[in-house]
PDB file of N, CA and C in Angstrom:
ATOM      1  N   MET A   1     -88.221 -26.766 106.534  1.00  0.00           N
ATOM      2  CA  MET A   1     -89.357 -26.162 105.880  1.00  0.00           C
ATOM      3  C   MET A   1     -90.025 -27.211 104.999  1.00  0.00           C
ATOM      4  N   TYR A   2     -91.310 -27.189 104.978  1.00  0.00           N
ATOM      5  CA  TYR A   2     -92.115 -28.156 104.243  1.00  0.00           C
ATOM      6  C   TYR A   2     -92.591 -27.514 102.956  1.00  0.00           C
ATOM      7  N   ARG A   3     -92.434 -28.161 101.815  1.00  0.00           N
ATOM      8  CA  ARG A   3     -92.843 -27.582 100.541  1.00  0.00           C
ATOM      9  C   ARG A   3     -93.734 -28.548  99.794  1.00  0.00           C
ATOM     10  N   ARG A   4     -94.910 -28.073  99.410  1.00  0.00           N
ATOM     11  CA  ARG A   4     -95.812 -28.864  98.580  1.00  0.00           C
ATOM     12  C   ARG A   4     -95.380 -28.738  97.133  1.00  0.00           C
ATOM     13  N   ARG A   5     -95.414 -29.843  96.423  1.00  0.00           N
ATOM     14  CA  ARG A   5     -95.064 -29.818  95.010  1.00  0.00           C
ATOM     15  C   ARG A   5     -96.321 -29.940  94.181  1.00  0.00           C
ATOM     16  N   HIS A   6     -96.217 -29.625  92.909  1.00  0.00           N
ATOM     17  CA  HIS A   6     -97.352 -29.694  92.003  1.00  0.00           C
ATOM     18  C   HIS A   6     -96.987 -30.560  90.814  1.00  0.00           C
ATOM     19  N   ARG A   7     -97.960 -31.280  90.316  1.00  0.00           N
ATOM     20  CA  ARG A   7     -97.687 -32.125  89.155  1.00  0.00           C
ATOM     21  C   ARG A   7     -97.626 -31.248  87.907  1.00  0.00           C
ATOM     22  N   HIS A   8     -96.973 -31.757  86.902  1.00  0.00           N
ATOM     23  CA  HIS A   8     -96.780 -31.031  85.655  1.00  0.00           C
ATOM     24  C   HIS A   8     -97.775 -31.539  84.621  1.00  0.00           C
ATOM     25  N   GLY A   9     -99.019 -31.276  84.828  1.00  0.00           N
ATOM     26  CA  GLY A   9    -100.084 -31.738  83.938  1.00  0.00           C
ATOM     27  C   GLY A   9    -101.322 -32.028  84.752  1.00  0.00           C
ATOM     28  N   ARG A  10    -102.333 -32.585  84.138  1.00  0.00           N
ATOM     29  CA  ARG A  10    -103.590 -32.817  84.820  1.00  0.00           C
ATOM     30  C   ARG A  10    -103.763 -34.241  85.321  1.00  0.00           C
ATOM     31  N   ARG A  11    -102.999 -35.176  84.809  1.00  0.00           N
ATOM     32  CA  ARG A  11    -103.203 -36.578  85.158  1.00  0.00           C
ATOM     33  C   ARG A  11    -102.216 -37.043  86.201  1.00  0.00           C
ATOM     34  N   GLY A  12    -102.590 -38.096  86.891  1.00  0.00           N
ATOM     35  CA  GLY A  12    -101.705 -38.705  87.878  1.00  0.00           C
ATOM     36  C   GLY A  12    -101.964 -38.186  89.275  1.00  0.00           C
ATOM     37  N   ARG A  13    -101.318 -38.833  90.229  1.00  0.00           N
ATOM     38  CA  ARG A  13    -101.515 -38.429  91.611  1.00  0.00           C
ATOM     39  C   ARG A  13    -100.628 -37.230  91.938  1.00  0.00           C
ATOM     40  N   MET A  14    -100.995 -36.550  92.991  1.00  0.00           N
ATOM     41  CA  MET A  14    -100.203 -35.404  93.431  1.00  0.00           C
ATOM     42  C   MET A  14     -98.876 -35.902  94.002  1.00  0.00           C
ATOM     43  N   PRO A  15     -97.766 -35.192  93.735  1.00  0.00           N
ATOM     44  CA  PRO A  15     -96.476 -35.608  94.283  1.00  0.00           C
ATOM     45  C   PRO A  15     -96.452 -35.481  95.802  1.00  0.00           C
ATOM     46  N   LYS A  16     -95.607 -36.286  96.415  1.00  0.00           N
ATOM     47  CA  LYS A  16     -95.424 -36.257  97.853  1.00  0.00           C
ATOM     48  C   LYS A  16     -94.712 -34.954  98.242  1.00  0.00           C
ATOM     49  N   PRO A  17     -95.114 -34.289  99.325  1.00  0.00           N
ATOM     50  CA  PRO A  17     -94.420 -33.064  99.755  1.00  0.00           C
ATOM     51  C   PRO A  17     -92.970 -33.356 100.128  1.00  0.00           C
ATOM     52  N   VAL A  18     -92.130 -32.333 100.051  1.00  0.00           N
ATOM     53  CA  VAL A  18     -90.694 -32.462 100.295  1.00  0.00           C
ATOM     54  C   VAL A  18     -90.297 -31.563 101.457  1.00  0.00           C
ATOM     55  N   TRP A  19     -89.408 -32.061 102.321  1.00  0.00           N
ATOM     56  CA  TRP A  19     -88.830 -31.249 103.387  1.00  0.00           C
ATOM     57  C   TRP A  19     -87.590 -30.552 102.845  1.00  0.00           C
ATOM     58  N   LEU A  20     -87.552 -29.218 102.962  1.00  0.00           N
ATOM     59  CA  LEU A  20     -86.388 -28.445 102.546  1.00  0.00           C
ATOM     60  C   LEU A  20     -85.641 -27.997 103.789  1.00  0.00           C
ATOM     61  N   GLY A  21     -84.314 -28.071 103.736  1.00  0.00           N
ATOM     62  CA  GLY A  21     -83.512 -27.648 104.884  1.00  0.00           C
ATOM     63  C   GLY A  21     -83.673 -26.167 105.169  1.00  0.00           C
ATOM     64  N   ALA A  22     -83.611 -25.333 104.147  1.00  0.00           N
ATOM     65  CA  ALA A  22     -83.764 -23.887 104.285  1.00  0.00           C
ATOM     66  C   ALA A  22     -83.957 -23.299 102.895  1.00  0.00           C
ATOM     67  N   LEU A  23     -84.586 -22.149 102.851  1.00  0.00           N
ATOM     68  CA  LEU A  23     -84.709 -21.456 101.571  1.00  0.00           C
ATOM     69  C   LEU A  23     -83.363 -20.870 101.190  1.00  0.00           C
ATOM     70  N   PRO A  24     -83.033 -20.850  99.900  1.00  0.00           N
ATOM     71  CA  PRO A  24     -81.754 -20.275  99.498  1.00  0.00           C
ATOM     72  C   PRO A  24     -81.732 -18.768  99.762  1.00  0.00           C
ATOM     73  N   PRO A  25     -80.566 -18.215 100.062  1.00  0.00           N
ATOM     74  CA  PRO A  25     -80.482 -16.782 100.359  1.00  0.00           C
ATOM     75  C   PRO A  25     -80.666 -15.898  99.124  1.00  0.00           C
ATOM     76  N   ILE A  26     -80.630 -16.486  97.942  1.00  0.00           N
ATOM     77  CA  ILE A  26     -80.797 -15.714  96.707  1.00  0.00           C
ATOM     78  C   ILE A  26     -81.931 -16.311  95.886  1.00  0.00           C
ATOM     79  N   THR A  27     -82.413 -15.556  94.910  1.00  0.00           N
ATOM     80  CA  THR A  27     -83.479 -16.057  94.039  1.00  0.00           C
ATOM     81  C   THR A  27     -82.984 -16.329  92.629  1.00  0.00           C
ATOM     82  N   GLY A  28     -81.713 -16.107  92.362  1.00  0.00           N
ATOM     83  CA  GLY A  28     -81.196 -16.401  91.042  1.00  0.00           C
ATOM     84  C   GLY A  28     -79.781 -15.890  90.853  1.00  0.00           C
ATOM     85  N   LEU A  29     -79.225 -16.245  89.709  1.00  0.00           N
ATOM     86  CA  LEU A  29     -77.893 -15.808  89.308  1.00  0.00           C
ATOM     87  C   LEU A  29     -77.957 -15.319  87.875  1.00  0.00           C
ATOM     88  N   ASP A  30     -77.266 -14.208  87.597  1.00  0.00           N
ATOM     89  CA  ASP A  30     -77.213 -13.679  86.240  1.00  0.00           C
ATOM     90  C   ASP A  30     -75.776 -13.665  85.762  1.00  0.00           C
ATOM     91  N   PRO A  31     -75.522 -14.214  84.557  1.00  0.00           N
ATOM     92  CA  PRO A  31     -74.163 -14.136  84.015  1.00  0.00           C
ATOM     93  C   PRO A  31     -73.831 -12.691  83.643  1.00  0.00           C
ATOM     94  N   VAL A  32     -72.584 -12.349  83.690  1.00  0.00           N
ATOM     95  CA  VAL A  32     -72.143 -10.990  83.382  1.00  0.00           C
ATOM     96  C   VAL A  32     -72.407 -10.688  81.911  1.00  0.00           C
ATOM     97  N   GLY A  33     -73.037  -9.547  81.643  1.00  0.00           N
ATOM     98  CA  GLY A  33     -73.218  -9.069  80.278  1.00  0.00           C
ATOM     99  C   GLY A  33     -74.426  -9.599  79.526  1.00  0.00           C
ATOM    100  N   THR A  34     -75.376 -10.255  80.177  1.00  0.00           N
ATOM    101  CA  THR A  34     -76.530 -10.787  79.443  1.00  0.00           C
ATOM    102  C   THR A  34     -77.843 -10.095  79.779  1.00  0.00           C
ATOM    103  N   GLN A  35     -77.872  -9.150  80.638  1.00  0.00           N
ATOM    104  CA  GLN A  35     -79.041  -8.489  81.196  1.00  0.00           C
ATOM    105  C   GLN A  35     -80.302  -8.561  80.334  1.00  0.00           C
ATOM    106  N   GLY A  36     -81.103  -9.622  80.573  1.00  0.00           N
ATOM    107  CA  GLY A  36     -82.400  -9.767  79.928  1.00  0.00           C
ATOM    108  C   GLY A  36     -82.366 -10.177  78.469  1.00  0.00           C
ATOM    109  N   LYS A  37     -81.231 -10.623  77.955  1.00  0.00           N
ATOM    110  CA  LYS A  37     -81.140 -10.976  76.540  1.00  0.00           C
ATOM    111  C   LYS A  37     -81.613 -12.395  76.250  1.00  0.00           C
ATOM    112  N   THR A  38     -81.610 -13.266  77.254  1.00  0.00           N
ATOM    113  CA  THR A  38     -82.010 -14.656  77.032  1.00  0.00           C
ATOM    114  C   THR A  38     -83.019 -15.076  78.102  1.00  0.00           C
ATOM    115  N   GLU A  39     -83.764 -16.124  77.791  1.00  0.00           N
ATOM    116  CA  GLU A  39     -84.734 -16.673  78.731  1.00  0.00           C
ATOM    117  C   GLU A  39     -84.003 -17.353  79.880  1.00  0.00           C
ATOM    118  N   PRO A  40     -84.456 -17.144  81.117  1.00  0.00           N
ATOM    119  CA  PRO A  40     -83.799 -17.804  82.246  1.00  0.00           C
ATOM    120  C   PRO A  40     -84.160 -19.280  82.343  1.00  0.00           C
ATOM    121  N   VAL A  41     -83.333 -20.021  83.037  1.00  0.00           N
ATOM    122  CA  VAL A  41     -83.582 -21.419  83.363  1.00  0.00           C
ATOM    123  C   VAL A  41     -84.105 -21.439  84.801  1.00  0.00           C
ATOM    124  N   TYR A  42     -85.229 -22.114  85.032  1.00  0.00           N
ATOM    125  CA  TYR A  42     -85.850 -22.140  86.355  1.00  0.00           C
ATOM    126  C   TYR A  42     -85.522 -23.441  87.081  1.00  0.00           C
ATOM    127  N   LEU A  43     -84.915 -23.307  88.248  1.00  0.00           N
ATOM    128  CA  LEU A  43     -84.545 -24.432  89.095  1.00  0.00           C
ATOM    129  C   LEU A  43     -85.507 -24.457  90.282  1.00  0.00           C
ATOM    130  N   GLU A  44     -86.258 -25.555  90.427  1.00  0.00           N
ATOM    131  CA  GLU A  44     -87.227 -25.681  91.513  1.00  0.00           C
ATOM    132  C   GLU A  44     -86.499 -25.786  92.853  1.00  0.00           C
ATOM    133  N   PRO A  45     -87.090 -25.276  93.952  1.00  0.00           N
ATOM    134  CA  PRO A  45     -86.427 -25.371  95.264  1.00  0.00           C
ATOM    135  C   PRO A  45     -86.131 -26.804  95.698  1.00  0.00           C
ATOM    136  N   ASP A  46     -87.000 -27.763  95.360  1.00  0.00           N
ATOM    137  CA  ASP A  46     -86.727 -29.150  95.746  1.00  0.00           C
ATOM    138  C   ASP A  46     -85.571 -29.736  94.935  1.00  0.00           C
ATOM    139  N   GLU A  47     -85.405 -29.304  93.682  1.00  0.00           N
ATOM    140  CA  GLU A  47     -84.255 -29.729  92.882  1.00  0.00           C
ATOM    141  C   GLU A  47     -82.970 -29.159  93.471  1.00  0.00           C
ATOM    142  N   LEU A  48     -83.016 -27.903  93.896  1.00  0.00           N
ATOM    143  CA  LEU A  48     -81.853 -27.279  94.507  1.00  0.00           C
ATOM    144  C   LEU A  48     -81.470 -27.981  95.809  1.00  0.00           C
ATOM    145  N   GLU A  49     -82.464 -28.375  96.607  1.00  0.00           N
ATOM    146  CA  GLU A  49     -82.184 -29.061  97.870  1.00  0.00           C
ATOM    147  C   GLU A  49     -81.516 -30.414  97.627  1.00  0.00           C
ATOM    148  N   ALA A  50     -82.008 -31.184  96.653  1.00  0.00           N
ATOM    149  CA  ALA A  50     -81.389 -32.471  96.330  1.00  0.00           C
ATOM    150  C   ALA A  50     -79.956 -32.257  95.829  1.00  0.00           C
ATOM    151  N   PHE A  51     -79.760 -31.263  94.988  1.00  0.00           N
ATOM    152  CA  PHE A  51     -78.455 -30.913  94.440  1.00  0.00           C
ATOM    153  C   PHE A  51     -77.493 -30.540  95.581  1.00  0.00           C
ATOM    154  N   ARG A  52     -77.965 -29.751  96.527  1.00  0.00           N
ATOM    155  CA  ARG A  52     -77.144 -29.313  97.652  1.00  0.00           C
ATOM    156  C   ARG A  52     -76.763 -30.479  98.561  1.00  0.00           C
ATOM    157  N   LEU A  53     -77.743 -31.320  98.886  1.00  0.00           N
ATOM    158  CA  LEU A  53     -77.476 -32.429  99.806  1.00  0.00           C
ATOM    159  C   LEU A  53     -76.497 -33.444  99.224  1.00  0.00           C
ATOM    160  N   VAL A  54     -76.676 -33.785  97.964  1.00  0.00           N
ATOM    161  CA  VAL A  54     -75.836 -34.831  97.361  1.00  0.00           C
ATOM    162  C   VAL A  54     -74.479 -34.288  96.916  1.00  0.00           C
ATOM    163  N   ASP A  55     -74.474 -33.185  96.166  1.00  0.00           N
ATOM    164  CA  ASP A  55     -73.217 -32.706  95.591  1.00  0.00           C
ATOM    165  C   ASP A  55     -72.415 -31.801  96.517  1.00  0.00           C
ATOM    166  N   LEU A  56     -73.069 -31.035  97.378  1.00  0.00           N
ATOM    167  CA  LEU A  56     -72.331 -30.133  98.260  1.00  0.00           C
ATOM    168  C   LEU A  56     -72.011 -30.794  99.604  1.00  0.00           C
ATOM    169  N   GLU A  57     -73.021 -31.417 100.226  1.00  0.00           N
ATOM    170  CA  GLU A  57     -72.794 -32.044 101.533  1.00  0.00           C
ATOM    171  C   GLU A  57     -72.261 -33.465 101.425  1.00  0.00           C
ATOM    172  N   GLY A  58     -72.308 -34.073 100.246  1.00  0.00           N
ATOM    173  CA  GLY A  58     -71.733 -35.400 100.044  1.00  0.00           C
ATOM    174  C   GLY A  58     -72.569 -36.549 100.572  1.00  0.00           C
ATOM    175  N   LEU A  59     -73.865 -36.341 100.752  1.00  0.00           N
ATOM    176  CA  LEU A  59     -74.730 -37.428 101.207  1.00  0.00           C
ATOM    177  C   LEU A  59     -75.030 -38.378 100.055  1.00  0.00           C
ATOM    178  N   SER A  60     -75.368 -39.615 100.388  1.00  0.00           N
ATOM    179  CA  SER A  60     -75.833 -40.537  99.358  1.00  0.00           C
ATOM    180  C   SER A  60     -77.265 -40.145  98.989  1.00  0.00           C
ATOM    181  N   GLN A  61     -77.754 -40.693  97.895  1.00  0.00           N
ATOM    182  CA  GLN A  61     -79.124 -40.389  97.482  1.00  0.00           C
ATOM    183  C   GLN A  61     -80.128 -40.927  98.495  1.00  0.00           C
ATOM    184  N   GLU A  62     -79.833 -42.049  99.102  1.00  0.00           N
ATOM    185  CA  GLU A  62     -80.719 -42.601 100.134  1.00  0.00           C
ATOM    186  C   GLU A  62     -80.770 -41.709 101.366  1.00  0.00           C
ATOM    187  N   GLU A  63     -79.602 -41.214 101.798  1.00  0.00           N
ATOM    188  CA  GLU A  63     -79.562 -40.316 102.952  1.00  0.00           C
ATOM    189  C   GLU A  63     -80.280 -39.005 102.656  1.00  0.00           C
ATOM    190  N   ALA A  64     -80.087 -38.477 101.452  1.00  0.00           N
ATOM    191  CA  ALA A  64     -80.774 -37.239 101.059  1.00  0.00           C
ATOM    192  C   ALA A  64     -82.280 -37.460 101.017  1.00  0.00           C
ATOM    193  N   GLY A  65     -82.706 -38.612 100.515  1.00  0.00           N
ATOM    194  CA  GLY A  65     -84.130 -38.933 100.483  1.00  0.00           C
ATOM    195  C   GLY A  65     -84.721 -39.007 101.878  1.00  0.00           C
ATOM    196  N   GLY A  66     -83.960 -39.556 102.823  1.00  0.00           N
ATOM    197  CA  GLY A  66     -84.408 -39.611 104.208  1.00  0.00           C
ATOM    198  C   GLY A  66     -84.580 -38.228 104.808  1.00  0.00           C
ATOM    199  N   ARG A  67     -83.655 -37.336 104.506  1.00  0.00           N
ATOM    200  CA  ARG A  67     -83.764 -35.964 105.016  1.00  0.00           C
ATOM    201  C   ARG A  67     -84.917 -35.200 104.372  1.00  0.00           C
ATOM    202  N   MET A  68     -85.160 -35.457 103.098  1.00  0.00           N
ATOM    203  CA  MET A  68     -86.204 -34.729 102.374  1.00  0.00           C
ATOM    204  C   MET A  68     -87.575 -35.373 102.527  1.00  0.00           C
ATOM    205  N   GLY A  69     -87.618 -36.604 103.016  1.00  0.00           N
ATOM    206  CA  GLY A  69     -88.891 -37.289 103.196  1.00  0.00           C
ATOM    207  C   GLY A  69     -89.462 -37.882 101.924  1.00  0.00           C
ATOM    208  N   VAL A  70     -88.588 -38.210 100.961  1.00  0.00           N
ATOM    209  CA  VAL A  70     -89.008 -38.813  99.696  1.00  0.00           C
ATOM    210  C   VAL A  70     -88.135 -40.029  99.405  1.00  0.00           C
ATOM    211  N   SER A  71     -88.463 -40.762  98.355  1.00  0.00           N
ATOM    212  CA  SER A  71     -87.709 -41.966  98.010  1.00  0.00           C
ATOM    213  C   SER A  71     -86.391 -41.615  97.321  1.00  0.00           C
ATOM    214  N   ARG A  72     -85.507 -42.614  97.257  1.00  0.00           N
ATOM    215  CA  ARG A  72     -84.231 -42.436  96.570  1.00  0.00           C
ATOM    216  C   ARG A  72     -84.454 -42.140  95.092  1.00  0.00           C
ATOM    217  N   GLY A  73     -85.456 -42.778  94.497  1.00  0.00           N
ATOM    218  CA  GLY A  73     -85.760 -42.532  93.087  1.00  0.00           C
ATOM    219  C   GLY A  73     -86.186 -41.092  92.817  1.00  0.00           C
ATOM    220  N   THR A  74     -86.949 -40.515  93.734  1.00  0.00           N
ATOM    221  CA  THR A  74     -87.348 -39.116  93.591  1.00  0.00           C
ATOM    222  C   THR A  74     -86.132 -38.207  93.699  1.00  0.00           C
ATOM    223  N   VAL A  75     -85.225 -38.506  94.636  1.00  0.00           N
ATOM    224  CA  VAL A  75     -83.996 -37.725  94.760  1.00  0.00           C
ATOM    225  C   VAL A  75     -83.182 -37.835  93.484  1.00  0.00           C
ATOM    226  N   TRP A  76     -83.100 -39.022  92.911  1.00  0.00           N
ATOM    227  CA  TRP A  76     -82.347 -39.208  91.664  1.00  0.00           C
ATOM    228  C   TRP A  76     -82.924 -38.334  90.550  1.00  0.00           C
ATOM    229  N   ARG A  77     -84.259 -38.326  90.412  1.00  0.00           N
ATOM    230  CA  ARG A  77     -84.909 -37.524  89.377  1.00  0.00           C
ATOM    231  C   ARG A  77     -84.680 -36.036  89.608  1.00  0.00           C
ATOM    232  N   LEU A  78     -84.835 -35.581  90.858  1.00  0.00           N
ATOM    233  CA  LEU A  78     -84.611 -34.168  91.171  1.00  0.00           C
ATOM    234  C   LEU A  78     -83.161 -33.778  90.899  1.00  0.00           C
ATOM    235  N   LEU A  79     -82.241 -34.653  91.239  1.00  0.00           N
ATOM    236  CA  LEU A  79     -80.820 -34.400  91.035  1.00  0.00           C
ATOM    237  C   LEU A  79     -80.481 -34.316  89.551  1.00  0.00           C
ATOM    238  N   GLN A  80     -81.024 -35.220  88.765  1.00  0.00           N
ATOM    239  CA  GLN A  80     -80.783 -35.187  87.316  1.00  0.00           C
ATOM    240  C   GLN A  80     -81.311 -33.891  86.706  1.00  0.00           C
ATOM    241  N   ASN A  81     -82.515 -33.471  87.106  1.00  0.00           N
ATOM    242  CA  ASN A  81     -83.075 -32.225  86.594  1.00  0.00           C
ATOM    243  C   ASN A  81     -82.222 -31.025  86.994  1.00  0.00           C
ATOM    244  N   ALA A  82     -81.773 -30.993  88.251  1.00  0.00           N
ATOM    245  CA  ALA A  82     -80.959 -29.876  88.733  1.00  0.00           C
ATOM    246  C   ALA A  82     -79.631 -29.801  87.990  1.00  0.00           C
ATOM    247  N   ARG A  83     -78.993 -30.949  87.799  1.00  0.00           N
ATOM    248  CA  ARG A  83     -77.710 -30.953  87.082  1.00  0.00           C
ATOM    249  C   ARG A  83     -77.868 -30.533  85.631  1.00  0.00           C
ATOM    250  N   ARG A  84     -78.937 -31.018  84.973  1.00  0.00           N
ATOM    251  CA  ARG A  84     -79.178 -30.652  83.578  1.00  0.00           C
ATOM    252  C   ARG A  84     -79.447 -29.152  83.440  1.00  0.00           C
ATOM    253  N   LYS A  85     -80.283 -28.610  84.318  1.00  0.00           N
ATOM    254  CA  LYS A  85     -80.623 -27.189  84.245  1.00  0.00           C
ATOM    255  C   LYS A  85     -79.418 -26.309  84.557  1.00  0.00           C
ATOM    256  N   THR A  86     -78.608 -26.704  85.542  1.00  0.00           N
ATOM    257  CA  THR A  86     -77.417 -25.938  85.884  1.00  0.00           C
ATOM    258  C   THR A  86     -76.416 -25.965  84.733  1.00  0.00           C
ATOM    259  N   ALA A  87     -76.212 -27.124  84.143  1.00  0.00           N
ATOM    260  CA  ALA A  87     -75.300 -27.236  83.002  1.00  0.00           C
ATOM    261  C   ALA A  87     -75.800 -26.413  81.813  1.00  0.00           C
ATOM    262  N   GLN A  88     -77.105 -26.422  81.588  1.00  0.00           N
ATOM    263  CA  GLN A  88     -77.681 -25.642  80.493  1.00  0.00           C
ATOM    264  C   GLN A  88     -77.456 -24.148  80.725  1.00  0.00           C
ATOM    265  N   ALA A  89     -77.714 -23.670  81.937  1.00  0.00           N
ATOM    266  CA  ALA A  89     -77.524 -22.254  82.245  1.00  0.00           C
ATOM    267  C   ALA A  89     -76.066 -21.841  82.084  1.00  0.00           C
ATOM    268  N   LEU A  90     -75.139 -22.685  82.552  1.00  0.00           N
ATOM    269  CA  LEU A  90     -73.719 -22.360  82.454  1.00  0.00           C
ATOM    270  C   LEU A  90     -73.220 -22.409  81.016  1.00  0.00           C
ATOM    271  N   SER A  91     -73.598 -23.432  80.272  1.00  0.00           N
ATOM    272  CA  SER A  91     -73.063 -23.595  78.918  1.00  0.00           C
ATOM    273  C   SER A  91     -73.689 -22.628  77.918  1.00  0.00           C
ATOM    274  N   GLU A  92     -74.937 -22.218  78.141  1.00  0.00           N
ATOM    275  CA  GLU A  92     -75.605 -21.295  77.209  1.00  0.00           C
ATOM    276  C   GLU A  92     -75.560 -19.847  77.681  1.00  0.00           C
ATOM    277  N   GLY A  93     -74.994 -19.596  78.862  1.00  0.00           N
ATOM    278  CA  GLY A  93     -74.902 -18.240  79.382  1.00  0.00           C
ATOM    279  C   GLY A  93     -76.258 -17.650  79.740  1.00  0.00           C
ATOM    280  N   ARG A  94     -77.175 -18.502  80.221  1.00  0.00           N
ATOM    281  CA  ARG A  94     -78.518 -18.045  80.558  1.00  0.00           C
ATOM    282  C   ARG A  94     -78.634 -17.775  82.055  1.00  0.00           C
ATOM    283  N   PRO A  95     -79.497 -16.838  82.455  1.00  0.00           N
ATOM    284  CA  PRO A  95     -79.713 -16.608  83.888  1.00  0.00           C
ATOM    285  C   PRO A  95     -80.347 -17.835  84.540  1.00  0.00           C
ATOM    286  N   LEU A  96     -80.051 -18.046  85.807  1.00  0.00           N
ATOM    287  CA  LEU A  96     -80.592 -19.163  86.570  1.00  0.00           C
ATOM    288  C   LEU A  96     -81.493 -18.594  87.659  1.00  0.00           C
ATOM    289  N   ARG A  97     -82.768 -18.976  87.646  1.00  0.00           N
ATOM    290  CA  ARG A  97     -83.740 -18.508  88.641  1.00  0.00           C
ATOM    291  C   ARG A  97     -84.152 -19.663  89.534  1.00  0.00           C
ATOM    292  N   ILE A  98     -84.327 -19.389  90.817  1.00  0.00           N
ATOM    293  CA  ILE A  98     -84.749 -20.410  91.764  1.00  0.00           C
ATOM    294  C   ILE A  98     -86.219 -20.174  92.080  1.00  0.00           C
ATOM    295  N   GLY A  99     -87.059 -21.120  91.698  1.00  0.00           N
ATOM    296  CA  GLY A  99     -88.499 -21.002  91.901  1.00  0.00           C
ATOM    297  C   GLY A  99     -89.236 -21.498  90.672  1.00  0.00           C
ATOM    298  N   PRO A 100     -90.569 -21.553  90.745  1.00  0.00           N
ATOM    299  CA  PRO A 100     -91.338 -22.032  89.596  1.00  0.00           C
ATOM    300  C   PRO A 100     -91.360 -21.005  88.475  1.00  0.00           C
ATOM    301  N   PRO A 101     -91.464 -21.448  87.225  1.00  0.00           N
ATOM    302  CA  PRO A 101     -91.593 -20.511  86.116  1.00  0.00           C
ATOM    303  C   PRO A 101     -92.871 -19.681  86.265  1.00  0.00           C
ATOM    304  N   PRO A 102     -92.888 -18.446  85.762  1.00  0.00           N
ATOM    305  CA  PRO A 102     -94.062 -17.583  85.925  1.00  0.00           C
ATOM    306  C   PRO A 102     -95.355 -18.179  85.377  1.00  0.00           C
ATOM    307  N   GLN A 103     -95.341 -18.818  84.221  1.00  0.00           N
ATOM    308  CA  GLN A 103     -96.570 -19.376  83.647  1.00  0.00           C
ATOM    309  C   GLN A 103     -97.119 -20.519  84.476  1.00  0.00           C
ATOM    310  N   GLN A 104     -96.267 -21.239  85.218  1.00  0.00           N
ATOM    311  CA  GLN A 104     -96.738 -22.340  86.053  1.00  0.00           C
ATOM    312  C   GLN A 104     -97.563 -21.804  87.220  1.00  0.00           C
ATOM    313  N   THR A 105     -97.143 -20.712  87.837  1.00  0.00           N
ATOM    314  CA  THR A 105     -97.896 -20.159  88.957  1.00  0.00           C
ATOM    315  C   THR A 105     -99.229 -19.580  88.492  1.00  0.00           C
ATOM    316  N   ASP A 106     -99.280 -19.012  87.290  1.00  0.00           N
ATOM    317  CA  ASP A 106    -100.531 -18.486  86.762  1.00  0.00           C
ATOM    318  C   ASP A 106    -101.546 -19.593  86.554  1.00  0.00           C
ATOM    319  N   LEU A 107    -101.113 -20.743  86.031  1.00  0.00           N
ATOM    320  CA  LEU A 107    -102.013 -21.871  85.807  1.00  0.00           C
ATOM    321  C   LEU A 107    -102.557 -22.401  87.126  1.00  0.00           C
ATOM    322  N   GLU A 108    -101.708 -22.479  88.147  1.00  0.00           N
ATOM    323  CA  GLU A 108    -102.135 -23.007  89.430  1.00  0.00           C
ATOM    324  C   GLU A 108    -103.191 -22.100  90.064  1.00  0.00           C
ATOM    325  N   GLU A 109    -103.074 -20.778  89.905  1.00  0.00           N
ATOM    326  CA  GLU A 109    -104.053 -19.862  90.465  1.00  0.00           C
ATOM    327  C   GLU A 109    -105.381 -20.013  89.753  1.00  0.00           C
ATOM    328  N   ASN A 110    -105.361 -20.209  88.429  1.00  0.00           N
ATOM    329  CA  ASN A 110    -106.598 -20.339  87.669  1.00  0.00           C
ATOM    330  C   ASN A 110    -107.322 -21.639  87.972  1.00  0.00           C
ATOM    331  N   VAL A 111    -106.593 -22.709  88.261  1.00  0.00           N
ATOM    332  CA  VAL A 111    -107.210 -24.005  88.539  1.00  0.00           C
ATOM    333  C   VAL A 111    -108.031 -23.925  89.817  1.00  0.00           C
ATOM    334  N   GLY A 112    -107.542 -23.208  90.830  1.00  0.00           N
ATOM    335  CA  GLY A 112    -108.252 -23.110  92.094  1.00  0.00           C
ATOM    336  C   GLY A 112    -109.525 -22.300  92.021  1.00  0.00           C
ATOM    337  N   GLU A 113    -109.702 -21.435  91.006  1.00  0.00           N
ATOM    338  CA  GLU A 113    -110.877 -20.585  90.896  1.00  0.00           C
ATOM    339  C   GLU A 113    -112.066 -21.292  90.312  1.00  0.00           C
ATOM    340  N   HIS A 114    -111.877 -22.360  89.554  1.00  0.00           N
ATOM    341  CA  HIS A 114    -113.001 -23.010  88.869  1.00  0.00           C
ATOM    342  C   HIS A 114    -113.769 -23.924  89.743  1.00  0.00           C
TER     343      HIS A 114
END
């Protein structure tokens, strides 16, 4: 599956699209006993794919970059973000959501209308 990414701000070039192996079967995880008490941590699908390829399948960052169609440096950045967000969700007992944060999608819709 091919996924277009979006930059986090107005400046700079658009990020290179990423090839995803498959969409995850779930959209998030909730820790027991927290039902809506804390803000969730949002893990982007491309971060999850890099995390899965390197840490679960045991590929090198270069091999994962080849599968995703991006550079090794991009895989490294995605992997660092995924590990940080996962550790934050686990250590703080926050829900983990897979996908863009709600406010990010609202901004993207408004930009296309102008």
